[in-house]
Amino acid sequence: MTDSSRGDGPKSTDGSESGNDPRSTDGSSDETVLDDVGPPIDDGWERRERAYRGISRRLAARYLRNLGGELVDADDPADATRVDGDGWRATLRAEKVAAAGSITLTEVTVSFAGDPAVLDELIPTFKRKAMRAGG
């Protein structure tokens, strides 16, 4: 399984290297900002989005739950689109993408939002869990 971010570093939803999303905050303090890009984000948090191929949304939700998250919008990981943990939130969406010719794979996009220090640990740990060996 590979993180489908390409280039020198991880990309945020706006394509910047830092992982900061300029739409993440409205300048007011202690307010949760809602938009359609990803999970709600609190003051001081940032958003980072990653895509993983070859895993299902169900597995992604299970991995996030194993990392301390709780399913927010479903009881079954297969139906979950939101997982919240201590200092972080994640939304999940899955789609079929063309891999080569007529071959398609499931690509799960995870939009993480949280305290930058928490995300610095959470995302690499999630990536290791999401890595899948062929065979």
N, C-alpha and C. Protein backbone atom coordinates (compact mmCIF):
# COMPACT_ATOMS: atom_id res chain seq x y z
N MET A 1 0.85 -1.17 0.00
CA MET A 1 0.00 0.00 0.00
C MET A 1 0.88 1.22 0.00
N THR A 2 0.55 2.14 -0.83
CA THR A 2 1.34 3.36 -0.87
C THR A 2 0.45 4.55 -0.64
N ASP A 3 1.04 5.56 -0.04
CA ASP A 3 0.39 6.85 0.11
C ASP A 3 0.45 7.47 -1.27
N SER A 4 -0.67 7.89 -1.82
CA SER A 4 -0.65 8.36 -3.21
C SER A 4 -0.22 9.81 -3.34
N SER A 5 0.20 10.45 -2.24
CA SER A 5 0.78 11.78 -2.36
C SER A 5 2.04 11.65 -3.18
N ARG A 6 2.22 12.52 -4.13
CA ARG A 6 3.40 12.45 -4.98
C ARG A 6 4.18 13.73 -4.84
N GLY A 7 5.47 13.65 -5.12
CA GLY A 7 6.29 14.84 -5.02
C GLY A 7 7.22 14.71 -3.84
N ASP A 8 7.79 15.81 -3.45
CA ASP A 8 8.80 15.81 -2.40
C ASP A 8 8.23 15.65 -1.00
N GLY A 9 7.01 16.03 -0.79
CA GLY A 9 6.45 15.97 0.55
C GLY A 9 4.95 15.80 0.49
N PRO A 10 4.35 15.57 1.65
CA PRO A 10 2.91 15.40 1.68
C PRO A 10 2.20 16.68 1.25
N LYS A 11 1.11 16.51 0.56
CA LYS A 11 0.33 17.65 0.07
C LYS A 11 -0.93 17.80 0.89
N SER A 12 -1.30 19.02 1.14
CA SER A 12 -2.58 19.28 1.79
C SER A 12 -3.62 19.41 0.70
N THR A 13 -4.85 19.68 1.10
CA THR A 13 -5.92 19.80 0.12
C THR A 13 -5.71 20.98 -0.81
N ASP A 14 -4.91 21.97 -0.41
CA ASP A 14 -4.66 23.10 -1.29
C ASP A 14 -3.36 22.93 -2.07
N GLY A 15 -2.67 21.77 -1.92
CA GLY A 15 -1.46 21.50 -2.67
C GLY A 15 -0.20 22.02 -2.01
N SER A 16 -0.29 22.70 -0.88
CA SER A 16 0.89 23.23 -0.23
C SER A 16 1.65 22.12 0.48
N GLU A 17 2.93 22.32 0.71
CA GLU A 17 3.76 21.33 1.37
C GLU A 17 3.53 21.27 2.87
N SER A 18 3.08 22.33 3.47
CA SER A 18 3.02 22.40 4.92
C SER A 18 1.90 21.60 5.55
N GLY A 19 0.89 21.27 4.79
CA GLY A 19 -0.26 20.59 5.35
C GLY A 19 -1.29 21.56 5.91
N ASN A 20 -1.02 22.86 5.85
CA ASN A 20 -1.99 23.84 6.32
C ASN A 20 -2.99 24.12 5.23
N ASP A 21 -4.23 24.18 5.58
CA ASP A 21 -5.30 24.47 4.64
C ASP A 21 -5.79 25.88 4.94
N PRO A 22 -5.65 26.81 4.01
CA PRO A 22 -6.06 28.19 4.30
C PRO A 22 -7.54 28.31 4.60
N ARG A 23 -8.34 27.30 4.26
CA ARG A 23 -9.77 27.34 4.56
C ARG A 23 -10.05 26.79 5.94
N SER A 24 -9.02 26.39 6.68
CA SER A 24 -9.21 25.71 7.95
C SER A 24 -9.70 26.60 9.07
N THR A 25 -9.46 27.86 9.00
CA THR A 25 -9.84 28.72 10.10
C THR A 25 -10.43 30.02 9.58
N ASP A 26 -11.30 30.59 10.35
CA ASP A 26 -11.92 31.85 9.95
C ASP A 26 -11.37 33.01 10.77
N GLY A 27 -10.28 32.76 11.52
CA GLY A 27 -9.64 33.82 12.28
C GLY A 27 -10.17 34.00 13.68
N SER A 28 -11.33 33.43 13.99
CA SER A 28 -11.84 33.56 15.34
C SER A 28 -11.27 32.45 16.21
N SER A 29 -11.17 32.69 17.49
CA SER A 29 -10.57 31.69 18.36
C SER A 29 -11.64 30.79 18.96
N ASP A 30 -11.20 29.58 19.35
CA ASP A 30 -12.05 28.60 20.03
C ASP A 30 -13.33 28.29 19.26
N GLU A 31 -13.28 28.33 17.95
CA GLU A 31 -14.45 28.03 17.16
C GLU A 31 -14.14 26.88 16.22
N THR A 32 -15.04 25.94 16.10
CA THR A 32 -14.89 24.85 15.16
C THR A 32 -15.36 25.32 13.80
N VAL A 33 -14.54 25.09 12.78
CA VAL A 33 -14.86 25.50 11.43
C VAL A 33 -15.35 24.29 10.66
N LEU A 34 -16.49 24.42 9.99
CA LEU A 34 -17.05 23.35 9.19
C LEU A 34 -16.96 23.73 7.73
N ASP A 35 -16.57 22.80 6.88
CA ASP A 35 -16.63 22.98 5.45
C ASP A 35 -16.75 21.61 4.81
N ASP A 36 -16.79 21.56 3.49
CA ASP A 36 -16.99 20.29 2.82
C ASP A 36 -15.70 19.61 2.42
N VAL A 37 -14.55 20.12 2.85
CA VAL A 37 -13.26 19.57 2.48
C VAL A 37 -12.87 18.39 3.37
N GLY A 38 -13.24 18.41 4.62
CA GLY A 38 -12.85 17.35 5.53
C GLY A 38 -13.52 17.51 6.87
N PRO A 39 -12.93 16.90 7.89
CA PRO A 39 -13.55 16.94 9.21
C PRO A 39 -13.52 18.35 9.80
N PRO A 40 -14.39 18.60 10.76
CA PRO A 40 -14.36 19.90 11.44
C PRO A 40 -12.99 20.12 12.07
N ILE A 41 -12.56 21.35 12.10
CA ILE A 41 -11.23 21.67 12.60
C ILE A 41 -11.33 22.79 13.63
N ASP A 42 -10.68 22.58 14.76
CA ASP A 42 -10.69 23.53 15.86
C ASP A 42 -9.55 24.53 15.70
N ASP A 43 -9.63 25.62 16.44
CA ASP A 43 -8.60 26.64 16.45
C ASP A 43 -7.26 26.00 16.80
N GLY A 44 -6.23 26.29 16.01
CA GLY A 44 -4.89 25.75 16.24
C GLY A 44 -4.65 24.42 15.56
N TRP A 45 -5.68 23.84 14.98
CA TRP A 45 -5.53 22.57 14.27
C TRP A 45 -5.21 22.84 12.81
N GLU A 46 -4.76 21.81 12.14
CA GLU A 46 -4.57 21.88 10.70
C GLU A 46 -5.14 20.63 10.06
N ARG A 47 -5.28 20.68 8.75
CA ARG A 47 -5.86 19.57 8.00
C ARG A 47 -4.81 19.01 7.05
N ARG A 48 -4.76 17.69 6.96
CA ARG A 48 -3.87 17.00 6.03
C ARG A 48 -4.66 15.87 5.37
N GLU A 49 -4.51 15.75 4.08
CA GLU A 49 -5.26 14.73 3.35
C GLU A 49 -4.30 13.77 2.68
N ARG A 50 -4.60 12.48 2.79
CA ARG A 50 -3.78 11.43 2.18
C ARG A 50 -4.70 10.44 1.49
N ALA A 51 -4.20 9.82 0.42
CA ALA A 51 -4.96 8.80 -0.29
C ALA A 51 -4.16 7.50 -0.27
N TYR A 52 -4.87 6.40 -0.05
CA TYR A 52 -4.25 5.09 0.04
C TYR A 52 -4.98 4.15 -0.90
N ARG A 53 -4.22 3.40 -1.67
CA ARG A 53 -4.82 2.45 -2.61
C ARG A 53 -4.70 1.04 -2.09
N GLY A 54 -5.73 0.24 -2.39
CA GLY A 54 -5.68 -1.17 -2.06
C GLY A 54 -6.26 -1.53 -0.70
N ILE A 55 -6.77 -0.55 0.04
CA ILE A 55 -7.48 -0.86 1.28
C ILE A 55 -8.92 -0.37 1.13
N SER A 56 -9.77 -0.92 1.93
CA SER A 56 -11.18 -0.51 1.89
C SER A 56 -11.43 0.57 2.94
N ARG A 57 -12.55 1.23 2.81
CA ARG A 57 -12.94 2.20 3.84
C ARG A 57 -13.14 1.50 5.18
N ARG A 58 -13.66 0.26 5.14
CA ARG A 58 -13.86 -0.52 6.36
C ARG A 58 -12.53 -0.73 7.08
N LEU A 59 -11.49 -1.14 6.34
CA LEU A 59 -10.18 -1.34 6.97
C LEU A 59 -9.60 -0.03 7.49
N ALA A 60 -9.74 1.04 6.72
CA ALA A 60 -9.23 2.34 7.17
C ALA A 60 -9.89 2.75 8.48
N ALA A 61 -11.21 2.56 8.57
CA ALA A 61 -11.93 2.90 9.81
C ALA A 61 -11.46 2.01 10.96
N ARG A 62 -11.25 0.73 10.70
CA ARG A 62 -10.75 -0.18 11.75
C ARG A 62 -9.37 0.25 12.23
N TYR A 63 -8.48 0.59 11.29
CA TYR A 63 -7.14 1.02 11.67
C TYR A 63 -7.20 2.29 12.53
N LEU A 64 -8.04 3.24 12.14
CA LEU A 64 -8.17 4.47 12.93
C LEU A 64 -8.76 4.17 14.30
N ARG A 65 -9.69 3.24 14.36
CA ARG A 65 -10.25 2.85 15.65
C ARG A 65 -9.17 2.19 16.52
N ASN A 66 -8.32 1.38 15.91
CA ASN A 66 -7.21 0.76 16.64
C ASN A 66 -6.19 1.78 17.13
N LEU A 67 -6.17 2.95 16.52
CA LEU A 67 -5.27 4.03 16.93
C LEU A 67 -5.93 4.96 17.95
N GLY A 68 -7.05 4.54 18.50
CA GLY A 68 -7.69 5.30 19.56
C GLY A 68 -8.92 6.07 19.15
N GLY A 69 -9.34 5.93 17.92
CA GLY A 69 -10.51 6.67 17.44
C GLY A 69 -11.81 5.94 17.73
N GLU A 70 -12.88 6.69 17.64
CA GLU A 70 -14.23 6.15 17.79
C GLU A 70 -15.03 6.49 16.55
N LEU A 71 -15.79 5.52 16.07
CA LEU A 71 -16.66 5.76 14.92
C LEU A 71 -17.73 6.77 15.33
N VAL A 72 -17.94 7.79 14.52
CA VAL A 72 -18.87 8.85 14.85
C VAL A 72 -20.24 8.63 14.21
N ASP A 73 -20.25 8.22 12.96
CA ASP A 73 -21.50 8.20 12.20
C ASP A 73 -22.02 6.81 11.88
N ALA A 74 -21.41 5.77 12.43
CA ALA A 74 -21.85 4.41 12.15
C ALA A 74 -21.35 3.47 13.24
N ASP A 75 -22.03 2.34 13.37
CA ASP A 75 -21.57 1.31 14.31
C ASP A 75 -20.65 0.32 13.62
N ASP A 76 -20.78 0.19 12.31
CA ASP A 76 -20.01 -0.75 11.52
C ASP A 76 -18.91 0.01 10.77
N PRO A 77 -17.65 -0.42 10.88
CA PRO A 77 -16.58 0.27 10.16
C PRO A 77 -16.81 0.36 8.65
N ALA A 78 -17.53 -0.59 8.08
CA ALA A 78 -17.79 -0.56 6.64
C ALA A 78 -18.64 0.63 6.24
N ASP A 79 -19.44 1.14 7.17
CA ASP A 79 -20.32 2.28 6.89
C ASP A 79 -19.76 3.61 7.39
N ALA A 80 -18.66 3.57 8.10
CA ALA A 80 -18.12 4.78 8.75
C ALA A 80 -17.50 5.74 7.73
N THR A 81 -17.80 7.01 7.92
CA THR A 81 -17.14 8.05 7.14
C THR A 81 -16.45 9.05 8.05
N ARG A 82 -16.59 8.89 9.36
CA ARG A 82 -15.96 9.81 10.31
C ARG A 82 -15.49 9.05 11.54
N VAL A 83 -14.24 9.32 11.94
CA VAL A 83 -13.64 8.73 13.13
C VAL A 83 -12.97 9.86 13.90
N ASP A 84 -13.23 9.94 15.20
CA ASP A 84 -12.64 10.98 16.05
C ASP A 84 -11.77 10.34 17.12
N GLY A 85 -10.62 10.96 17.37
CA GLY A 85 -9.73 10.51 18.43
C GLY A 85 -9.35 11.69 19.31
N ASP A 86 -8.46 11.45 20.24
CA ASP A 86 -8.00 12.49 21.15
C ASP A 86 -7.06 13.44 20.42
N GLY A 87 -7.54 14.64 20.12
CA GLY A 87 -6.73 15.64 19.43
C GLY A 87 -6.75 15.51 17.91
N TRP A 88 -7.63 14.67 17.38
CA TRP A 88 -7.73 14.51 15.93
C TRP A 88 -9.12 14.03 15.50
N ARG A 89 -9.40 14.26 14.22
CA ARG A 89 -10.61 13.76 13.57
C ARG A 89 -10.21 13.32 12.17
N ALA A 90 -10.97 12.39 11.61
CA ALA A 90 -10.70 11.96 10.24
C ALA A 90 -12.02 11.66 9.53
N THR A 91 -12.07 12.03 8.25
CA THR A 91 -13.18 11.62 7.41
C THR A 91 -12.63 10.70 6.34
N LEU A 92 -13.48 9.77 5.91
CA LEU A 92 -13.08 8.74 4.95
C LEU A 92 -14.00 8.78 3.74
N ARG A 93 -13.41 8.66 2.58
CA ARG A 93 -14.21 8.47 1.38
C ARG A 93 -13.45 7.50 0.47
N ALA A 94 -14.21 6.69 -0.24
CA ALA A 94 -13.61 5.68 -1.11
C ALA A 94 -14.16 5.83 -2.52
N GLU A 95 -13.29 5.56 -3.49
CA GLU A 95 -13.72 5.56 -4.88
C GLU A 95 -12.85 4.61 -5.67
N LYS A 96 -13.39 4.13 -6.77
CA LYS A 96 -12.63 3.28 -7.69
C LYS A 96 -11.82 4.19 -8.60
N VAL A 97 -10.53 3.87 -8.77
CA VAL A 97 -9.66 4.65 -9.65
C VAL A 97 -8.98 3.72 -10.63
N ALA A 98 -8.67 4.23 -11.81
CA ALA A 98 -7.98 3.45 -12.82
C ALA A 98 -6.51 3.32 -12.42
N ALA A 99 -6.03 2.09 -12.37
CA ALA A 99 -4.62 1.85 -12.02
C ALA A 99 -3.79 1.73 -13.29
N ALA A 100 -4.27 0.94 -14.23
CA ALA A 100 -3.59 0.75 -15.51
C ALA A 100 -4.60 0.12 -16.47
N GLY A 101 -4.81 0.77 -17.57
CA GLY A 101 -5.77 0.24 -18.53
C GLY A 101 -7.14 0.06 -17.92
N SER A 102 -7.63 -1.18 -17.96
CA SER A 102 -8.96 -1.44 -17.41
C SER A 102 -8.91 -1.91 -15.96
N ILE A 103 -7.74 -1.92 -15.35
CA ILE A 103 -7.60 -2.34 -13.96
C ILE A 103 -7.97 -1.18 -13.04
N THR A 104 -8.86 -1.44 -12.10
CA THR A 104 -9.25 -0.42 -11.13
C THR A 104 -8.91 -0.89 -9.72
N LEU A 105 -8.64 0.05 -8.87
CA LEU A 105 -8.37 -0.19 -7.46
C LEU A 105 -9.25 0.72 -6.63
N THR A 106 -9.48 0.32 -5.40
CA THR A 106 -10.16 1.21 -4.46
C THR A 106 -9.11 2.16 -3.89
N GLU A 107 -9.43 3.43 -3.90
CA GLU A 107 -8.58 4.44 -3.27
C GLU A 107 -9.38 5.08 -2.15
N VAL A 108 -8.84 5.01 -0.95
CA VAL A 108 -9.48 5.61 0.21
C VAL A 108 -8.75 6.90 0.53
N THR A 109 -9.49 7.98 0.57
CA THR A 109 -8.91 9.27 0.92
C THR A 109 -9.30 9.56 2.37
N VAL A 110 -8.27 9.86 3.16
CA VAL A 110 -8.47 10.17 4.57
C VAL A 110 -8.10 11.63 4.76
N SER A 111 -9.06 12.42 5.21
CA SER A 111 -8.80 13.81 5.56
C SER A 111 -8.64 13.86 7.07
N PHE A 112 -7.42 14.13 7.51
CA PHE A 112 -7.12 14.23 8.93
C PHE A 112 -7.20 15.69 9.34
N ALA A 113 -7.70 15.96 10.53
CA ALA A 113 -7.66 17.29 11.12
C ALA A 113 -7.25 17.09 12.56
N GLY A 114 -6.38 17.97 13.05
CA GLY A 114 -5.99 17.84 14.44
C GLY A 114 -4.84 18.73 14.81
N ASP A 115 -4.43 18.56 16.04
CA ASP A 115 -3.26 19.25 16.56
C ASP A 115 -2.06 18.80 15.72
N PRO A 116 -1.23 19.72 15.23
CA PRO A 116 -0.12 19.34 14.36
C PRO A 116 0.80 18.28 14.97
N ALA A 117 1.09 18.37 16.26
CA ALA A 117 1.96 17.39 16.90
C ALA A 117 1.31 16.01 16.92
N VAL A 118 0.01 15.97 17.13
CA VAL A 118 -0.73 14.69 17.13
C VAL A 118 -0.72 14.09 15.73
N LEU A 119 -0.97 14.92 14.71
CA LEU A 119 -0.98 14.43 13.33
C LEU A 119 0.39 13.93 12.89
N ASP A 120 1.46 14.58 13.40
CA ASP A 120 2.83 14.15 13.06
C ASP A 120 3.09 12.71 13.50
N GLU A 121 2.42 12.25 14.53
CA GLU A 121 2.55 10.86 14.98
C GLU A 121 1.48 9.96 14.37
N LEU A 122 0.26 10.45 14.28
CA LEU A 122 -0.87 9.64 13.82
C LEU A 122 -0.72 9.22 12.36
N ILE A 123 -0.41 10.14 11.48
CA ILE A 123 -0.41 9.84 10.05
C ILE A 123 0.65 8.79 9.68
N PRO A 124 1.89 8.89 10.14
CA PRO A 124 2.85 7.83 9.81
C PRO A 124 2.47 6.47 10.40
N THR A 125 1.88 6.47 11.59
CA THR A 125 1.43 5.22 12.19
C THR A 125 0.30 4.61 11.38
N PHE A 126 -0.64 5.44 10.95
CA PHE A 126 -1.73 4.96 10.11
C PHE A 126 -1.17 4.43 8.79
N LYS A 127 -0.22 5.14 8.21
CA LYS A 127 0.37 4.72 6.93
C LYS A 127 1.00 3.33 7.05
N ARG A 128 1.70 3.07 8.15
CA ARG A 128 2.29 1.73 8.36
C ARG A 128 1.21 0.67 8.44
N LYS A 129 0.11 0.97 9.10
CA LYS A 129 -1.00 0.01 9.19
C LYS A 129 -1.63 -0.22 7.82
N ALA A 130 -1.70 0.84 7.01
CA ALA A 130 -2.37 0.76 5.72
C ALA A 130 -1.50 0.11 4.64
N MET A 131 -0.22 -0.06 4.91
CA MET A 131 0.67 -0.71 3.93
C MET A 131 0.27 -2.15 3.76
N ARG A 132 0.14 -2.56 2.54
CA ARG A 132 -0.29 -3.93 2.25
C ARG A 132 0.73 -4.58 1.33
N ALA A 133 1.16 -5.77 1.68
CA ALA A 133 2.09 -6.51 0.83
C ALA A 133 1.29 -7.34 -0.16
N GLY A 134 1.79 -7.45 -1.36
CA GLY A 134 1.12 -8.28 -2.36
C GLY A 134 1.38 -9.75 -2.11
N GLY A 135 0.63 -10.59 -2.78
CA GLY A 135 0.92 -12.01 -2.63
C GLY A 135 -0.28 -12.86 -2.42
